[in-house]
Amino acid sequence: MIRALIFDFDGLILDTETPLIDAYAEVHRRHGVAFDRGTLLRSVGHADFAFDPWHGFSPHADRAALEHECRAHKRELIARLPILPGVVALLDGARSSGLKTGVASNSEHWWVDSHLQRLGLWEKFDFVACREDAPSPKPEPDLYRLALNQLGGLRGPEAIAFEDSHTGSLAAKRANMWAVVAPNESTAHHDFAHADLRVGSLAEIELAALMLRFGR
């Protein structure tokens, strides 16, 4: 029986990944430097992927100033973003069905918590697990195992994880959970062969049908 829904944050609840790439692109444009969007896209969701976003600039460029400019533009973009489709409906459906809800994110609490509060979603979650709460980030299963434990000592098959990346969905499967993936522009190229279900958007999901599918 399904007892909980656990959500990733970046790229799933709020598309914070595309604005980061767009911000890097804008800074490159302002300075007249070519931008390698494809390589940066491939780095999204991969904690072990090393990529220098400023490699096209002069070795003498002020990287701290470039990062500051990028962060400022990213903040402007993210402030205008809506919650991604289907998120609120799933959370409200979970509440009315008596399911626990949680977040398991590779980002830090200051980032995730502040956005959840700003978006009016904080009260919809029973537990939020972030990078600093577990020994290892995704793709290791530590964050998901922590969330399962905090949501009532659940077994993996009693929860569904919603993810947008290869790294996150692999972490969910390593925690023996059901993994539903809804990739965004930044992660559509990822390998999701291990996932249990792939959808174009969380808005496509009927909670009752999902629980029937995985709760047998």
Protein backbone atom coordinates (compact mmCIF):
# COMPACT_ATOMS: atom_id res chain seq x y z
CA MET A 1 0.00 0.00 0.00
CA ILE A 2 1.25 3.49 -0.85
CA ARG A 3 1.58 5.65 2.28
CA ALA A 4 3.68 8.61 1.15
CA LEU A 5 4.67 10.82 -1.77
CA ILE A 6 8.19 12.28 -1.74
CA PHE A 7 9.21 15.06 -4.10
CA ASP A 8 12.49 16.37 -5.40
CA PHE A 9 12.60 20.18 -5.42
CA ASP A 10 14.78 21.76 -8.12
CA GLY A 11 13.35 21.10 -11.55
CA LEU A 12 10.29 19.32 -10.22
CA ILE A 13 8.42 21.68 -7.89
CA LEU A 14 10.08 24.80 -9.28
CA ASP A 15 12.14 24.93 -12.46
CA THR A 16 15.20 26.51 -10.89
CA GLU A 17 17.51 24.71 -13.31
CA THR A 18 16.54 26.35 -16.59
CA PRO A 19 16.88 29.89 -15.11
CA LEU A 20 20.41 29.03 -13.98
CA ILE A 21 21.35 28.06 -17.52
CA ASP A 22 19.54 31.10 -18.93
CA ALA A 23 21.41 33.32 -16.46
CA TYR A 24 24.77 31.92 -17.54
CA ALA A 25 23.76 32.44 -21.17
CA GLU A 26 22.76 36.06 -20.51
CA VAL A 27 26.06 36.91 -18.81
CA HIS A 28 27.96 35.39 -21.73
CA ARG A 29 25.82 37.43 -24.16
CA ARG A 30 26.46 40.67 -22.27
CA HIS A 31 30.20 40.09 -22.44
CA GLY A 32 30.26 38.89 -26.05
CA VAL A 33 31.47 35.38 -25.18
CA ALA A 34 30.11 32.22 -26.85
CA PHE A 35 28.11 30.02 -24.47
CA ASP A 36 28.27 26.21 -24.43
CA ARG A 37 24.63 25.58 -23.46
CA GLY A 38 24.68 21.90 -24.43
CA THR A 39 27.50 20.96 -22.06
CA LEU A 40 25.96 22.87 -19.17
CA LEU A 41 22.62 21.18 -19.84
CA ARG A 42 24.34 17.80 -19.58
CA SER A 43 25.74 18.76 -16.16
CA VAL A 44 22.30 19.38 -14.61
CA GLY A 45 21.35 16.78 -12.02
CA HIS A 46 24.78 15.14 -11.99
CA ALA A 47 26.60 15.83 -8.72
CA ASP A 48 29.80 14.27 -10.07
CA PHE A 49 29.86 16.18 -13.38
CA ALA A 50 32.63 18.81 -13.34
CA PHE A 51 31.99 21.76 -15.67
CA ASP A 52 33.53 25.23 -15.69
CA PRO A 53 30.82 27.64 -16.92
CA TRP A 54 33.39 30.41 -17.44
CA HIS A 55 35.92 28.46 -19.48
CA GLY A 56 35.28 30.65 -22.55
CA PHE A 57 36.38 33.83 -20.74
CA SER A 58 39.90 35.17 -20.47
CA PRO A 59 42.02 33.60 -17.70
CA HIS A 60 42.21 37.11 -16.28
CA ALA A 61 38.42 37.58 -16.08
CA ASP A 62 36.99 38.45 -12.66
CA ARG A 63 35.12 35.22 -11.98
CA ALA A 64 33.70 36.43 -8.69
CA ALA A 65 32.10 39.38 -10.48
CA LEU A 66 30.75 37.08 -13.21
CA GLU A 67 29.22 34.76 -10.60
CA HIS A 68 27.66 37.74 -8.82
CA GLU A 69 26.15 38.97 -12.09
CA CYS A 70 24.86 35.48 -12.89
CA ARG A 71 23.28 35.00 -9.45
CA ALA A 72 21.55 38.37 -9.63
CA HIS A 73 20.00 37.57 -13.01
CA LYS A 74 19.03 34.08 -11.87
CA ARG A 75 17.22 35.54 -8.83
CA GLU A 76 15.24 37.83 -11.12
CA LEU A 77 14.21 34.91 -13.33
CA ILE A 78 13.29 32.57 -10.47
CA ALA A 79 11.21 35.23 -8.68
CA ARG A 80 8.84 35.19 -11.67
CA LEU A 81 8.50 31.41 -11.90
CA PRO A 82 5.23 29.62 -11.11
CA ILE A 83 4.99 26.29 -9.31
CA LEU A 84 5.27 23.60 -11.97
CA PRO A 85 1.99 22.06 -13.23
CA GLY A 86 0.50 19.20 -11.23
CA VAL A 87 2.46 19.76 -8.01
CA VAL A 88 -0.31 21.39 -5.97
CA ALA A 89 -2.95 18.95 -7.21
CA LEU A 90 -0.81 15.98 -6.13
CA LEU A 91 -0.13 17.52 -2.72
CA ASP A 92 -3.79 18.32 -2.15
CA GLY A 93 -4.75 14.84 -3.33
CA ALA A 94 -2.26 13.31 -0.93
CA ARG A 95 -3.69 15.31 1.97
CA SER A 96 -7.26 14.27 1.20
CA SER A 97 -6.16 10.63 0.80
CA GLY A 98 -4.33 10.54 4.14
CA LEU A 99 -0.88 10.18 2.56
CA LYS A 100 2.29 11.62 4.07
CA THR A 101 4.29 14.04 1.95
CA GLY A 102 7.96 14.92 1.96
CA VAL A 103 10.78 16.56 0.06
CA ALA A 104 14.18 14.97 -0.63
CA SER A 105 16.54 17.45 -2.26
CA ASN A 106 20.23 17.68 -3.06
CA SER A 107 20.00 21.41 -2.38
CA GLU A 108 20.50 22.98 1.03
CA HIS A 109 17.77 23.96 3.50
CA TRP A 110 18.25 27.72 3.14
CA TRP A 111 17.38 27.35 -0.56
CA VAL A 112 14.57 24.79 -0.44
CA ASP A 113 12.86 26.02 2.73
CA SER A 114 12.80 29.65 1.65
CA HIS A 115 11.23 28.82 -1.71
CA LEU A 116 8.65 26.46 -0.22
CA GLN A 117 7.63 29.18 2.22
CA ARG A 118 7.54 31.87 -0.48
CA LEU A 119 5.38 29.68 -2.72
CA GLY A 120 2.95 28.79 0.06
CA LEU A 121 3.92 25.10 -0.05
CA TRP A 122 5.74 24.72 3.26
CA GLU A 123 2.67 23.64 5.22
CA LYS A 124 1.83 20.99 2.62
CA PHE A 125 4.85 18.86 3.55
CA ASP A 126 5.31 16.67 6.62
CA PHE A 127 9.10 16.50 6.30
CA VAL A 128 11.84 18.14 4.25
CA ALA A 129 15.22 16.42 3.80
CA CYS A 130 18.09 18.38 2.27
CA ARG A 131 21.73 17.87 1.38
CA GLU A 132 23.11 18.57 4.86
CA ASP A 133 20.78 16.05 6.52
CA ALA A 134 22.35 12.89 5.09
CA PRO A 135 25.87 11.44 4.74
CA SER A 136 25.77 11.43 0.93
CA PRO A 137 23.69 13.26 -1.69
CA LYS A 138 21.79 11.60 -4.51
CA PRO A 139 22.40 9.30 -6.37
CA GLU A 140 23.04 7.61 -3.04
CA PRO A 141 19.76 6.63 -1.32
CA ASP A 142 20.52 8.36 2.02
CA LEU A 143 18.12 11.30 1.63
CA TYR A 144 15.25 9.06 0.60
CA ARG A 145 15.94 6.61 3.41
CA LEU A 146 15.93 9.50 5.88
CA ALA A 147 12.61 10.75 4.53
CA LEU A 148 11.08 7.27 4.69
CA ASN A 149 12.17 6.93 8.30
CA GLN A 150 10.89 10.36 9.31
CA LEU A 151 7.53 9.79 7.60
CA GLY A 152 6.75 6.83 9.82
CA GLY A 153 9.46 4.24 9.32
CA LEU A 154 8.13 3.33 5.88
CA ARG A 155 9.51 0.64 3.61
CA GLY A 156 10.61 1.72 0.14
CA PRO A 157 7.65 0.21 -1.76
CA GLU A 158 5.24 2.17 0.46
CA ALA A 159 6.32 5.47 -1.12
CA ILE A 160 6.46 7.07 -4.54
CA ALA A 161 9.31 9.41 -5.44
CA PHE A 162 8.79 12.16 -7.99
CA GLU A 163 11.95 13.24 -9.77
CA ASP A 164 13.15 15.07 -12.87
CA SER A 165 16.73 13.78 -13.15
CA HIS A 166 18.68 10.56 -13.61
CA THR A 167 20.57 11.16 -10.37
CA GLY A 168 17.42 11.66 -8.29
CA SER A 169 15.43 8.81 -9.76
CA LEU A 170 18.39 6.46 -9.33
CA ALA A 171 18.57 7.45 -5.66
CA ALA A 172 14.89 6.60 -5.27
CA LYS A 173 15.33 3.18 -6.86
CA ARG A 174 18.35 2.51 -4.65
CA ALA A 175 16.04 3.20 -1.70
CA ASN A 176 13.70 0.54 -3.15
CA MET A 177 10.99 3.12 -3.90
CA TRP A 178 8.73 3.64 -6.88
CA ALA A 179 10.20 6.33 -9.15
CA VAL A 180 8.07 8.59 -11.34
CA VAL A 181 10.02 11.02 -13.52
CA ALA A 182 8.81 14.27 -15.08
CA PRO A 183 11.86 15.67 -16.90
CA ASN A 184 12.18 19.34 -17.78
CA GLU A 185 14.10 21.06 -20.58
CA SER A 186 17.35 20.63 -18.68
CA THR A 187 16.97 16.92 -17.95
CA ALA A 188 14.96 15.49 -20.86
CA HIS A 189 18.13 13.90 -22.26
CA HIS A 190 18.83 11.87 -19.09
CA ASP A 191 18.67 8.08 -18.99
CA PHE A 192 15.50 7.00 -17.18
CA ALA A 193 15.51 3.31 -18.08
CA HIS A 194 15.42 2.40 -14.39
CA ALA A 195 12.35 4.55 -13.59
CA ASP A 196 8.90 3.01 -13.13
CA LEU A 197 7.01 5.71 -15.03
CA ARG A 198 7.93 8.73 -17.17
CA VAL A 199 5.46 11.55 -17.79
CA GLY A 200 5.68 14.85 -19.62
CA SER A 201 4.38 16.72 -16.59
CA LEU A 202 3.05 15.94 -13.12
CA ALA A 203 -0.23 17.40 -14.37
CA GLU A 204 -0.70 14.19 -16.37
CA ILE A 205 -0.88 12.11 -13.19
CA GLU A 206 -4.11 10.88 -11.62
CA LEU A 207 -3.23 10.07 -8.02
CA ALA A 208 -5.89 7.37 -7.67
CA ALA A 209 -4.63 5.58 -10.79
CA LEU A 210 -1.02 5.92 -9.64
CA MET A 211 -1.80 4.42 -6.24
CA LEU A 212 -3.64 1.56 -7.91
CA ARG A 213 -0.71 0.93 -10.23
CA PHE A 214 1.96 0.87 -7.51
CA GLY A 215 -0.09 -0.14 -4.50
CA ARG A 216 -1.00 -3.63 -5.59
